[in-house]
Amino acid sequence: MALAMIISMTLAGTAGAVIPILLKRFGLDPAQSSSIVLTTVTDIAGFMSFLGIATLLSSMLVAG
């Protein structure tokens, strides 16, 4: 769980810095659009990091 949180927060911080810069470069208003895109990226990163790690570690489960 801690590793998934670290991955998610790292990707969220990177996206939070990069997305407004990219939106401004494309001529869009970063204050209006970045929150929607950033929330989407953060949610996807969180789900994928948690579920990806769970999938990789599922082989360690033993059947009763």
Protein backbone atom coordinates (compact mmCIF):
# COMPACT_ATOMS: atom_id res chain seq x y z
CA MET A 1 0.00 0.00 0.00
CA ALA A 2 2.82 2.39 0.85
CA LEU A 3 4.55 1.73 -2.46
CA ALA A 4 1.33 2.40 -4.36
CA MET A 5 0.92 5.69 -2.48
CA ILE A 6 4.49 6.73 -3.27
CA ILE A 7 4.03 5.95 -6.96
CA SER A 8 0.68 7.74 -7.05
CA MET A 9 1.98 10.86 -5.29
CA THR A 10 5.09 11.01 -7.48
CA LEU A 11 3.01 10.81 -10.66
CA ALA A 12 0.52 13.34 -9.28
CA GLY A 13 3.28 15.81 -8.44
CA THR A 14 4.86 15.42 -11.86
CA ALA A 15 1.51 15.77 -13.62
CA GLY A 16 0.66 18.79 -11.47
CA ALA A 17 3.75 20.54 -12.74
CA VAL A 18 3.62 19.41 -16.37
CA ILE A 19 -0.10 19.63 -17.24
CA PRO A 20 -0.52 23.41 -16.74
CA ILE A 21 2.64 24.05 -18.75
CA LEU A 22 1.38 21.89 -21.62
CA LEU A 23 -2.07 23.46 -21.56
CA LYS A 24 -0.58 26.96 -21.72
CA ARG A 25 1.67 25.90 -24.60
CA PHE A 26 -1.41 24.66 -26.50
CA GLY A 27 -3.12 27.99 -25.92
CA LEU A 28 -5.65 26.77 -23.36
CA ASP A 29 -6.41 28.30 -19.97
CA PRO A 30 -4.53 26.18 -17.41
CA ALA A 31 -6.59 27.47 -14.48
CA GLN A 32 -9.79 26.24 -16.07
CA SER A 33 -8.71 22.90 -17.51
CA SER A 34 -5.84 21.58 -15.42
CA SER A 35 -7.91 20.48 -12.42
CA ILE A 36 -10.02 18.09 -14.52
CA VAL A 37 -7.03 16.58 -16.29
CA LEU A 38 -4.96 16.40 -13.10
CA THR A 39 -7.75 14.64 -11.19
CA THR A 40 -8.09 12.10 -13.98
CA VAL A 41 -4.35 11.42 -14.12
CA THR A 42 -4.12 11.12 -10.35
CA ASP A 43 -7.05 8.71 -10.13
CA ILE A 44 -5.74 6.52 -12.93
CA ALA A 45 -2.24 6.48 -11.44
CA GLY A 46 -3.60 5.53 -8.03
CA PHE A 47 -5.79 2.72 -9.28
CA MET A 48 -3.20 1.33 -11.66
CA SER A 49 -0.35 1.44 -9.16
CA PHE A 50 -2.39 -0.28 -6.45
CA LEU A 51 -3.93 -2.88 -8.74
CA GLY A 52 -0.66 -3.43 -10.59
CA ILE A 53 1.23 -4.14 -7.38
CA ALA A 54 -1.60 -6.38 -6.17
CA THR A 55 -1.46 -8.33 -9.43
CA LEU A 56 2.31 -8.75 -9.18
CA LEU A 57 2.05 -9.94 -5.58
CA SER A 58 -0.96 -12.22 -6.13
CA SER A 59 1.35 -15.13 -6.88
CA MET A 60 2.43 -15.04 -3.22
CA LEU A 61 -1.07 -16.00 -2.06
CA VAL A 62 -1.51 -19.59 -1.09
CA ALA A 63 -4.73 -21.52 -1.47
CA GLY A 64 -6.11 -22.78 1.81
